[in-house]
Amino acid sequence: MKSVAFKPNPGRMGYRELYRVCGKFSTGVLACGLKFLRLLGAQKDGFGMRTFGDRLPTCDIDSLPRRVLSDMDGYLYDLEKIGFIPCFGYSLEAYGSQEGHAASLRHKSGVAGANVLYSRCVRGDQETEATIFAYCTPLADDSFMVTSGCKKMMDKPSHFLGESMPGCSPKEVFERHIERLESAAALPLTIKTDDQLEDLILRYENEDAEFNFDRGVYVPMTRSEIRLGEQLHDEYQGGFGAGRRRRHLAGAFVGDDDEDDEEYDEDDDDESDEDDDSYSGGDYDD
């Protein structure tokens, strides 16, 4: 898929999914009530992300922001202890006062890839911040076996075979991931190189994005929203978005779905876009 700037439309989520994403009981009940009354939609506040398109913007893990690496360090250490090799990092292109980064690893046996993901979002005096980890192995039938150490949040495509183990250690989650692979209906494919890991992550991210566009949970941002989002992000980067840390939905996303501007199309824009020890499985070929 091509690279597209998008924003969430929580009004198109299922009720259970929306409740999970909200986190707090009161916020979840409020959001579900607004959805029932058809008052929950995509905001026009400049908050959004951009899909990767046909290339993952990889970098050295050590080049990620120091404060991000500080939050990731514990998981990275635990993953290396159980045989994972650090490969590369990457960052999401974000709009608004938010950011997202990842450190990607692969197991020395080729049995799985791993991601340590950091996210932070600030809206006014409310802040959400999280660092999570997940394992992923491609299967021969084009599905993905995913086992994570965090709570289930958004729904995934049916061929994303996910299991969540919140509160468990990287070692415990990895052991469960191996158990699931051993009983998988399709042959697990090995990940032997950084290029194969990059291809796996890009395919996973793009298929997840396409799923959310198809069901209306992701909608394209307009040019004016992108400009606002870039301004907010520059201000956030300048001060690192100081705010209070609260693990709940940052804003209720209340608004209508009407766009007062043309949807952003990358092809029409003159500006550049810089801005989840032994193993025997199949080979993973691009």
C-alpha atoms as a PDB file:
ATOM      1  CA  MET A   1       0.000   0.000   0.000  1.00  0.00           C
ATOM      2  CA  LYS A   2       1.111   3.590  -0.490  1.00  0.00           C
ATOM      3  CA  SER A   3       1.998   5.859   2.387  1.00  0.00           C
ATOM      4  CA  VAL A   4      -1.131   7.594   3.724  1.00  0.00           C
ATOM      5  CA  ALA A   5      -1.650  10.030   6.607  1.00  0.00           C
ATOM      6  CA  PHE A   6      -4.564   8.803   8.716  1.00  0.00           C
ATOM      7  CA  LYS A   7      -6.463   9.443  11.944  1.00  0.00           C
ATOM      8  CA  PRO A   8      -8.547   7.080  14.093  1.00  0.00           C
ATOM      9  CA  ASN A   9     -12.333   6.941  13.889  1.00  0.00           C
ATOM     10  CA  PRO A  10     -13.312   5.147  17.128  1.00  0.00           C
ATOM     11  CA  GLY A  11     -16.992   5.340  16.223  1.00  0.00           C
ATOM     12  CA  ARG A  12     -16.393   2.487  13.768  1.00  0.00           C
ATOM     13  CA  MET A  13     -14.869   0.188  16.385  1.00  0.00           C
ATOM     14  CA  GLY A  14     -16.910  -2.592  17.955  1.00  0.00           C
ATOM     15  CA  TYR A  15     -18.212  -1.932  21.466  1.00  0.00           C
ATOM     16  CA  ARG A  16     -15.865  -4.391  23.177  1.00  0.00           C
ATOM     17  CA  GLU A  17     -12.910  -3.116  21.183  1.00  0.00           C
ATOM     18  CA  LEU A  18     -13.754   0.503  22.032  1.00  0.00           C
ATOM     19  CA  TYR A  19     -14.088  -0.343  25.727  1.00  0.00           C
ATOM     20  CA  ARG A  20     -10.659  -2.051  25.717  1.00  0.00           C
ATOM     21  CA  VAL A  21      -8.981   0.879  23.978  1.00  0.00           C
ATOM     22  CA  CYS A  22     -10.439   3.385  26.432  1.00  0.00           C
ATOM     23  CA  GLY A  23      -8.784   1.653  29.396  1.00  0.00           C
ATOM     24  CA  LYS A  24     -10.689   3.254  32.266  1.00  0.00           C
ATOM     25  CA  PHE A  25     -14.188   1.982  33.132  1.00  0.00           C
ATOM     26  CA  SER A  26     -15.778   5.438  33.152  1.00  0.00           C
ATOM     27  CA  THR A  27     -14.162   6.481  29.871  1.00  0.00           C
ATOM     28  CA  GLY A  28     -15.161   3.212  28.222  1.00  0.00           C
ATOM     29  CA  VAL A  29     -18.788   3.514  29.321  1.00  0.00           C
ATOM     30  CA  LEU A  30     -18.900   7.129  28.109  1.00  0.00           C
ATOM     31  CA  ALA A  31     -17.349   6.271  24.736  1.00  0.00           C
ATOM     32  CA  CYS A  32     -19.716   3.320  24.187  1.00  0.00           C
ATOM     33  CA  GLY A  33     -22.674   5.559  25.065  1.00  0.00           C
ATOM     34  CA  LEU A  34     -21.525   8.166  22.557  1.00  0.00           C
ATOM     35  CA  LYS A  35     -21.087   5.479  19.928  1.00  0.00           C
ATOM     36  CA  PHE A  36     -24.628   4.196  20.589  1.00  0.00           C
ATOM     37  CA  LEU A  37     -25.948   7.742  20.108  1.00  0.00           C
ATOM     38  CA  ARG A  38     -23.825   8.099  16.950  1.00  0.00           C
ATOM     39  CA  LEU A  39     -21.913  11.021  18.448  1.00  0.00           C
ATOM     40  CA  LEU A  40     -18.486   9.386  18.332  1.00  0.00           C
ATOM     41  CA  GLY A  41     -16.345  10.102  15.307  1.00  0.00           C
ATOM     42  CA  ALA A  42     -12.944  11.171  14.059  1.00  0.00           C
ATOM     43  CA  GLN A  43     -11.590  14.428  15.432  1.00  0.00           C
ATOM     44  CA  LYS A  44     -10.035  17.212  13.389  1.00  0.00           C
ATOM     45  CA  ASP A  45      -7.362  18.101  15.941  1.00  0.00           C
ATOM     46  CA  GLY A  46      -4.261  17.194  13.906  1.00  0.00           C
ATOM     47  CA  PHE A  47      -3.531  13.898  15.676  1.00  0.00           C
ATOM     48  CA  GLY A  48      -2.701  11.013  13.377  1.00  0.00           C
ATOM     49  CA  MET A  49      -0.024   8.784  11.891  1.00  0.00           C
ATOM     50  CA  ARG A  50       1.314   7.844   8.466  1.00  0.00           C
ATOM     51  CA  THR A  51       1.423   4.311   7.107  1.00  0.00           C
ATOM     52  CA  PHE A  52       4.835   3.019   6.034  1.00  0.00           C
ATOM     53  CA  GLY A  53       4.039   2.344   2.391  1.00  0.00           C
ATOM     54  CA  ASP A  54       6.611   0.164   0.626  1.00  0.00           C
ATOM     55  CA  ARG A  55       9.588   0.876   2.895  1.00  0.00           C
ATOM     56  CA  LEU A  56      10.292   0.562   6.604  1.00  0.00           C
ATOM     57  CA  PRO A  57      12.391   3.580   7.727  1.00  0.00           C
ATOM     58  CA  THR A  58      15.005   1.595   9.649  1.00  0.00           C
ATOM     59  CA  CYS A  59      17.848   3.057  11.690  1.00  0.00           C
ATOM     60  CA  ASP A  60      20.410   1.917  14.259  1.00  0.00           C
ATOM     61  CA  ILE A  61      18.715   1.117  17.548  1.00  0.00           C
ATOM     62  CA  ASP A  62      21.213   3.362  19.344  1.00  0.00           C
ATOM     63  CA  SER A  63      20.023   6.330  17.263  1.00  0.00           C
ATOM     64  CA  LEU A  64      16.539   6.247  18.836  1.00  0.00           C
ATOM     65  CA  PRO A  65      15.938   9.010  21.427  1.00  0.00           C
ATOM     66  CA  ARG A  66      17.874   8.374  24.624  1.00  0.00           C
ATOM     67  CA  ARG A  67      14.781   8.683  26.838  1.00  0.00           C
ATOM     68  CA  VAL A  68      13.042   6.059  24.653  1.00  0.00           C
ATOM     69  CA  LEU A  69      15.987   3.657  24.907  1.00  0.00           C
ATOM     70  CA  SER A  70      15.963   4.142  28.662  1.00  0.00           C
ATOM     71  CA  ASP A  71      12.375   2.848  28.782  1.00  0.00           C
ATOM     72  CA  MET A  72      13.188  -0.030  26.409  1.00  0.00           C
ATOM     73  CA  ASP A  73      16.401  -1.159  28.109  1.00  0.00           C
ATOM     74  CA  GLY A  74      14.842  -3.686  30.493  1.00  0.00           C
ATOM     75  CA  TYR A  75      12.989  -5.558  27.760  1.00  0.00           C
ATOM     76  CA  LEU A  76      15.975  -5.415  25.387  1.00  0.00           C
ATOM     77  CA  TYR A  77      18.218  -6.910  28.068  1.00  0.00           C
ATOM     78  CA  ASP A  78      15.719  -9.704  28.801  1.00  0.00           C
ATOM     79  CA  LEU A  79      15.317 -10.501  25.103  1.00  0.00           C
ATOM     80  CA  GLU A  80      19.061 -10.741  24.513  1.00  0.00           C
ATOM     81  CA  LYS A  81      19.323 -13.112  27.488  1.00  0.00           C
ATOM     82  CA  ILE A  82      16.958 -15.577  25.776  1.00  0.00           C
ATOM     83  CA  GLY A  83      18.768 -15.521  22.441  1.00  0.00           C
ATOM     84  CA  PHE A  84      17.440 -12.482  20.545  1.00  0.00           C
ATOM     85  CA  ILE A  85      19.797 -10.432  18.378  1.00  0.00           C
ATOM     86  CA  PRO A  86      19.177  -6.647  18.118  1.00  0.00           C
ATOM     87  CA  CYS A  87      18.752  -5.715  14.445  1.00  0.00           C
ATOM     88  CA  PHE A  88      17.376  -2.223  13.828  1.00  0.00           C
ATOM     89  CA  GLY A  89      15.034   0.467  15.064  1.00  0.00           C
ATOM     90  CA  TYR A  90      12.361   2.551  13.361  1.00  0.00           C
ATOM     91  CA  SER A  91      10.011   5.398  14.185  1.00  0.00           C
ATOM     92  CA  LEU A  92       6.453   6.194  13.185  1.00  0.00           C
ATOM     93  CA  GLU A  93       5.742   9.427  11.333  1.00  0.00           C
ATOM     94  CA  ALA A  94       3.365  11.061  13.785  1.00  0.00           C
ATOM     95  CA  TYR A  95       1.140  14.132  13.672  1.00  0.00           C
ATOM     96  CA  GLY A  96       0.139  15.969  16.827  1.00  0.00           C
ATOM     97  CA  SER A  97       1.737  15.757  20.265  1.00  0.00           C
ATOM     98  CA  GLN A  98       2.720  12.103  20.099  1.00  0.00           C
ATOM     99  CA  GLU A  99       5.458   9.710  19.025  1.00  0.00           C
ATOM    100  CA  GLY A 100       6.075   6.020  18.403  1.00  0.00           C
ATOM    101  CA  HIS A 101       9.324   4.051  18.161  1.00  0.00           C
ATOM    102  CA  ALA A 102      10.341   0.395  17.917  1.00  0.00           C
ATOM    103  CA  ALA A 103      13.430  -1.756  18.393  1.00  0.00           C
ATOM    104  CA  SER A 104      13.354  -4.968  16.333  1.00  0.00           C
ATOM    105  CA  LEU A 105      15.173  -8.219  17.103  1.00  0.00           C
ATOM    106  CA  ARG A 106      15.276 -11.766  15.721  1.00  0.00           C
ATOM    107  CA  HIS A 107      16.030 -14.998  17.553  1.00  0.00           C
ATOM    108  CA  LYS A 108      19.347 -16.670  16.771  1.00  0.00           C
ATOM    109  CA  SER A 109      17.468 -19.855  15.798  1.00  0.00           C
ATOM    110  CA  GLY A 110      15.202 -17.969  13.369  1.00  0.00           C
ATOM    111  CA  VAL A 111      12.079 -19.036  15.272  1.00  0.00           C
ATOM    112  CA  ALA A 112      10.659 -15.533  15.785  1.00  0.00           C
ATOM    113  CA  GLY A 113      11.044 -11.812  15.447  1.00  0.00           C
ATOM    114  CA  ALA A 114      10.477  -9.512  18.405  1.00  0.00           C
ATOM    115  CA  ASN A 115       9.516  -5.865  18.726  1.00  0.00           C
ATOM    116  CA  VAL A 116       9.843  -3.574  21.718  1.00  0.00           C
ATOM    117  CA  LEU A 117       7.438  -0.693  21.128  1.00  0.00           C
ATOM    118  CA  TYR A 118       7.349   2.704  22.816  1.00  0.00           C
ATOM    119  CA  SER A 119       4.452   5.164  22.446  1.00  0.00           C
ATOM    120  CA  ARG A 120       3.585   8.480  24.060  1.00  0.00           C
ATOM    121  CA  CYS A 121       0.662  10.841  23.451  1.00  0.00           C
ATOM    122  CA  VAL A 122      -0.104  14.155  25.178  1.00  0.00           C
ATOM    123  CA  ARG A 123      -3.439  15.963  24.907  1.00  0.00           C
ATOM    124  CA  GLY A 124      -3.599  18.984  27.167  1.00  0.00           C
ATOM    125  CA  ASP A 125      -2.682  17.844  30.673  1.00  0.00           C
ATOM    126  CA  GLN A 126      -3.423  14.183  29.947  1.00  0.00           C
ATOM    127  CA  GLU A 127      -0.713  11.788  28.849  1.00  0.00           C
ATOM    128  CA  THR A 128      -0.538   8.142  27.856  1.00  0.00           C
ATOM    129  CA  GLU A 129       2.813   6.377  27.725  1.00  0.00           C
ATOM    130  CA  ALA A 130       3.585   2.697  27.256  1.00  0.00           C
ATOM    131  CA  THR A 131       6.452   0.325  26.423  1.00  0.00           C
ATOM    132  CA  ILE A 132       5.416  -3.169  25.342  1.00  0.00           C
ATOM    133  CA  PHE A 133       6.886  -6.216  23.595  1.00  0.00           C
ATOM    134  CA  ALA A 134       5.603  -8.881  21.226  1.00  0.00           C
ATOM    135  CA  TYR A 135       6.835 -11.895  19.238  1.00  0.00           C
ATOM    136  CA  CYS A 136       5.819 -12.665  15.668  1.00  0.00           C
ATOM    137  CA  THR A 137       6.457 -15.635  13.372  1.00  0.00           C
ATOM    138  CA  PRO A 138       5.157 -15.903   9.783  1.00  0.00           C
ATOM    139  CA  LEU A 139       3.429 -19.152   8.826  1.00  0.00           C
ATOM    140  CA  ALA A 140       3.407 -20.905   5.452  1.00  0.00           C
ATOM    141  CA  ASP A 141      -0.290 -20.107   4.906  1.00  0.00           C
ATOM    142  CA  ASP A 142       0.446 -16.330   5.014  1.00  0.00           C
ATOM    143  CA  SER A 143      -0.854 -15.952   8.559  1.00  0.00           C
ATOM    144  CA  PHE A 144       1.070 -14.545  11.539  1.00  0.00           C
ATOM    145  CA  MET A 145       1.531 -16.147  14.954  1.00  0.00           C
ATOM    146  CA  VAL A 146       1.717 -13.274  17.455  1.00  0.00           C
ATOM    147  CA  THR A 147       2.212 -13.550  21.221  1.00  0.00           C
ATOM    148  CA  SER A 148       2.500 -10.370  23.282  1.00  0.00           C
ATOM    149  CA  GLY A 149       3.136  -9.298  26.849  1.00  0.00           C
ATOM    150  CA  CYS A 150       0.418  -6.644  26.818  1.00  0.00           C
ATOM    151  CA  LYS A 151      -3.368  -6.471  26.976  1.00  0.00           C
ATOM    152  CA  LYS A 152      -5.383  -6.937  23.809  1.00  0.00           C
ATOM    153  CA  MET A 153      -6.444  -3.577  22.405  1.00  0.00           C
ATOM    154  CA  MET A 154      -7.649  -3.131  18.820  1.00  0.00           C
ATOM    155  CA  ASP A 155      -9.117  -5.975  16.778  1.00  0.00           C
ATOM    156  CA  LYS A 156      -6.848  -7.619  14.203  1.00  0.00           C
ATOM    157  CA  PRO A 157      -7.398  -9.407  10.874  1.00  0.00           C
ATOM    158  CA  SER A 158      -8.497 -13.044  11.166  1.00  0.00           C
ATOM    159  CA  HIS A 159      -5.116 -14.327   9.909  1.00  0.00           C
ATOM    160  CA  PHE A 160      -3.327 -12.559  12.797  1.00  0.00           C
ATOM    161  CA  LEU A 161      -3.285 -15.381  15.332  1.00  0.00           C
ATOM    162  CA  GLY A 162      -2.780 -13.374  18.501  1.00  0.00           C
ATOM    163  CA  GLU A 163      -2.558 -14.204  22.186  1.00  0.00           C
ATOM    164  CA  SER A 164      -2.004 -11.670  24.978  1.00  0.00           C
ATOM    165  CA  MET A 165      -0.209 -12.365  28.253  1.00  0.00           C
ATOM    166  CA  PRO A 166      -0.222  -9.075  30.188  1.00  0.00           C
ATOM    167  CA  GLY A 167       2.084  -8.975  33.185  1.00  0.00           C
ATOM    168  CA  CYS A 168       4.233 -11.915  32.060  1.00  0.00           C
ATOM    169  CA  SER A 169       7.987 -11.716  31.488  1.00  0.00           C
ATOM    170  CA  PRO A 170       9.598 -11.862  28.024  1.00  0.00           C
ATOM    171  CA  LYS A 171      10.865 -15.374  28.852  1.00  0.00           C
ATOM    172  CA  GLU A 172       7.398 -16.633  29.854  1.00  0.00           C
ATOM    173  CA  VAL A 173       5.769 -15.120  26.765  1.00  0.00           C
ATOM    174  CA  PHE A 174       8.466 -16.554  24.488  1.00  0.00           C
ATOM    175  CA  GLU A 175       7.990 -20.041  25.935  1.00  0.00           C
ATOM    176  CA  ARG A 176       4.268 -19.765  25.231  1.00  0.00           C
ATOM    177  CA  HIS A 177       5.010 -18.529  21.703  1.00  0.00           C
ATOM    178  CA  ILE A 178       7.082 -21.658  21.043  1.00  0.00           C
ATOM    179  CA  GLU A 179       4.258 -23.848  22.404  1.00  0.00           C
ATOM    180  CA  ARG A 180       1.809 -22.196  20.030  1.00  0.00           C
ATOM    181  CA  LEU A 181       4.155 -22.670  17.060  1.00  0.00           C
ATOM    182  CA  GLU A 182       4.536 -26.359  17.837  1.00  0.00           C
ATOM    183  CA  SER A 183       0.768 -26.827  17.575  1.00  0.00           C
ATOM    184  CA  ALA A 184       0.249 -24.464  14.617  1.00  0.00           C
ATOM    185  CA  ALA A 185      -1.784 -25.782  11.686  1.00  0.00           C
ATOM    186  CA  ALA A 186       0.684 -24.324   9.157  1.00  0.00           C
ATOM    187  CA  LEU A 187       4.469 -24.619   8.994  1.00  0.00           C
ATOM    188  CA  PRO A 188       6.314 -21.788  10.807  1.00  0.00           C
ATOM    189  CA  LEU A 189       8.860 -20.005   8.629  1.00  0.00           C
ATOM    190  CA  THR A 190      12.279 -19.036   9.950  1.00  0.00           C
ATOM    191  CA  ILE A 191      13.626 -15.477  10.021  1.00  0.00           C
ATOM    192  CA  LYS A 192      17.360 -15.719   9.346  1.00  0.00           C
ATOM    193  CA  THR A 193      18.328 -12.217   8.191  1.00  0.00           C
ATOM    194  CA  ASP A 194      17.599  -8.575   8.996  1.00  0.00           C
ATOM    195  CA  ASP A 195      16.033  -8.171   5.543  1.00  0.00           C
ATOM    196  CA  GLN A 196      13.565 -10.978   6.271  1.00  0.00           C
ATOM    197  CA  LEU A 197      12.702  -9.384   9.604  1.00  0.00           C
ATOM    198  CA  GLU A 198      12.157  -6.012   7.914  1.00  0.00           C
ATOM    199  CA  ASP A 199       9.915  -7.632   5.303  1.00  0.00           C
ATOM    200  CA  LEU A 200       7.917  -9.390   8.027  1.00  0.00           C
ATOM    201  CA  ILE A 201       7.306  -6.168   9.986  1.00  0.00           C
ATOM    202  CA  LEU A 202       6.386  -4.147   6.887  1.00  0.00           C
ATOM    203  CA  ARG A 203       3.930  -6.805   5.689  1.00  0.00           C
ATOM    204  CA  TYR A 204       2.377  -7.098   9.158  1.00  0.00           C
ATOM    205  CA  GLU A 205       1.992  -3.319   9.550  1.00  0.00           C
ATOM    206  CA  ASN A 206       0.557  -2.771   6.062  1.00  0.00           C
ATOM    207  CA  GLU A 207      -1.958  -5.615   6.326  1.00  0.00           C
ATOM    208  CA  ASP A 208      -3.065  -4.321   9.718  1.00  0.00           C
ATOM    209  CA  ALA A 209      -3.478  -0.792   8.289  1.00  0.00           C
ATOM    210  CA  GLU A 210      -5.458  -2.056   5.283  1.00  0.00           C
ATOM    211  CA  PHE A 211      -7.769  -3.961   7.637  1.00  0.00           C
ATOM    212  CA  ASN A 212      -8.490  -0.796   9.625  1.00  0.00           C
ATOM    213  CA  PHE A 213      -9.018   1.344   6.512  1.00  0.00           C
ATOM    214  CA  ASP A 214     -11.442  -1.255   5.130  1.00  0.00           C
ATOM    215  CA  ARG A 215     -13.607  -1.162   8.265  1.00  0.00           C
ATOM    216  CA  GLY A 216     -13.450   2.633   8.626  1.00  0.00           C
ATOM    217  CA  VAL A 217     -11.436   2.710  11.870  1.00  0.00           C
ATOM    218  CA  TYR A 218      -8.670   4.555  10.007  1.00  0.00           C
ATOM    219  CA  VAL A 219      -9.644   7.489   7.782  1.00  0.00           C
ATOM    220  CA  PRO A 220      -7.359   9.741   5.693  1.00  0.00           C
ATOM    221  CA  MET A 221      -6.358  13.119   7.101  1.00  0.00           C
ATOM    222  CA  THR A 222      -7.003  16.313   5.147  1.00  0.00           C
ATOM    223  CA  ARG A 223      -4.255  18.714   4.125  1.00  0.00           C
ATOM    224  CA  SER A 224      -5.299  21.215   6.793  1.00  0.00           C
ATOM    225  CA  GLU A 225      -5.233  18.495   9.465  1.00  0.00           C
ATOM    226  CA  ILE A 226      -1.753  17.445   8.364  1.00  0.00           C
ATOM    227  CA  ARG A 227      -0.488  21.024   8.556  1.00  0.00           C
ATOM    228  CA  LEU A 228      -1.956  21.401  12.047  1.00  0.00           C
ATOM    229  CA  GLY A 229      -0.522  18.018  13.066  1.00  0.00           C
ATOM    230  CA  GLU A 230       2.957  18.948  11.845  1.00  0.00           C
ATOM    231  CA  GLN A 231       2.845  22.200  13.811  1.00  0.00           C
ATOM    232  CA  LEU A 232       1.735  20.427  16.988  1.00  0.00           C
ATOM    233  CA  HIS A 233       4.394  17.751  16.541  1.00  0.00           C
ATOM    234  CA  ASP A 234       7.150  20.357  16.118  1.00  0.00           C
ATOM    235  CA  GLU A 235       6.026  22.031  19.353  1.00  0.00           C
ATOM    236  CA  TYR A 236       5.904  18.652  21.108  1.00  0.00           C
ATOM    237  CA  GLN A 237       9.396  17.732  19.955  1.00  0.00           C
ATOM    238  CA  GLY A 238      10.685  21.059  21.208  1.00  0.00           C
ATOM    239  CA  GLY A 239       9.448  20.490  24.755  1.00  0.00           C
ATOM    240  CA  PHE A 240       8.845  16.702  24.753  1.00  0.00           C
ATOM    241  CA  GLY A 241       5.163  17.365  25.521  1.00  0.00           C
ATOM    242  CA  ALA A 242       5.179  17.753  29.299  1.00  0.00           C
ATOM    243  CA  GLY A 243       1.983  16.481  30.879  1.00  0.00           C
ATOM    244  CA  ARG A 244       0.556  14.224  33.525  1.00  0.00           C
ATOM    245  CA  ARG A 245       0.872  10.459  33.010  1.00  0.00           C
ATOM    246  CA  ARG A 246      -2.480   8.742  32.885  1.00  0.00           C
ATOM    247  CA  ARG A 247      -3.183   5.396  31.233  1.00  0.00           C
ATOM    248  CA  HIS A 248      -6.548   6.065  29.691  1.00  0.00           C
ATOM    249  CA  LEU A 249      -7.996   7.294  26.421  1.00  0.00           C
ATOM    250  CA  ALA A 250      -6.468  10.655  25.606  1.00  0.00           C
ATOM    251  CA  GLY A 251      -9.644  12.400  24.508  1.00  0.00           C
ATOM    252  CA  ALA A 252     -13.050  11.001  23.645  1.00  0.00           C
ATOM    253  CA  PHE A 253     -12.685  11.538  19.864  1.00  0.00           C
ATOM    254  CA  VAL A 254     -16.099  13.179  19.722  1.00  0.00           C
ATOM    255  CA  GLY A 255     -16.915  14.866  16.437  1.00  0.00           C
ATOM    256  CA  ASP A 256     -18.702  14.411  13.140  1.00  0.00           C
ATOM    257  CA  ASP A 257     -17.341  12.547  10.146  1.00  0.00           C
ATOM    258  CA  ASP A 258     -17.737  15.319   7.587  1.00  0.00           C
ATOM    259  CA  GLU A 259     -14.524  16.606   5.987  1.00  0.00           C
ATOM    260  CA  ASP A 260     -14.377  20.309   5.140  1.00  0.00           C
ATOM    261  CA  ASP A 261     -11.236  19.853   3.080  1.00  0.00           C
ATOM    262  CA  GLU A 262      -9.970  17.581   0.337  1.00  0.00           C
ATOM    263  CA  GLU A 263      -8.542  14.261   1.539  1.00  0.00           C
ATOM    264  CA  TYR A 264      -4.782  14.164   1.450  1.00  0.00           C
ATOM    265  CA  ASP A 265      -3.313  12.363  -1.530  1.00  0.00           C
ATOM    266  CA  GLU A 266       0.441  11.947  -1.510  1.00  0.00           C
ATOM    267  CA  ASP A 267       0.603  12.093  -5.308  1.00  0.00           C
ATOM    268  CA  ASP A 268      -0.957  15.582  -5.330  1.00  0.00           C
ATOM    269  CA  ASP A 269       1.433  17.052  -2.762  1.00  0.00           C
ATOM    270  CA  ASP A 270       4.494  18.887  -4.037  1.00  0.00           C
ATOM    271  CA  GLU A 271       6.319  18.532  -0.748  1.00  0.00           C
ATOM    272  CA  SER A 272       8.493  15.529   0.043  1.00  0.00           C
ATOM    273  CA  ASP A 273       7.532  13.030   2.750  1.00  0.00           C
ATOM    274  CA  GLU A 274      10.655  13.452   4.876  1.00  0.00           C
ATOM    275  CA  ASP A 275       9.331  14.697   7.693  1.00  0.00           C
ATOM    276  CA  ASP A 276       3.668  -8.116  17.835  1.00  0.00           C
ATOM    277  CA  ASP A 277      17.772 -22.934  20.944  1.00  0.00           C
ATOM    278  CA  SER A 278      16.945 -25.237  18.401  1.00  0.00           C
ATOM    279  CA  TYR A 279      14.173 -24.953  15.921  1.00  0.00           C
ATOM    280  CA  SER A 280      13.388 -26.522  12.604  1.00  0.00           C
ATOM    281  CA  GLY A 281      10.953 -24.755  10.334  1.00  0.00           C
ATOM    282  CA  GLY A 282      10.568 -23.629   6.764  1.00  0.00           C
ATOM    283  CA  ASP A 283      12.634 -20.856   5.174  1.00  0.00           C
ATOM    284  CA  TYR A 284      11.034 -17.435   5.018  1.00  0.00           C
ATOM    285  CA  ASP A 285      11.479 -16.045   1.523  1.00  0.00           C
ATOM    286  CA  ASP A 286      10.381 -12.590   0.377  1.00  0.00           C
END
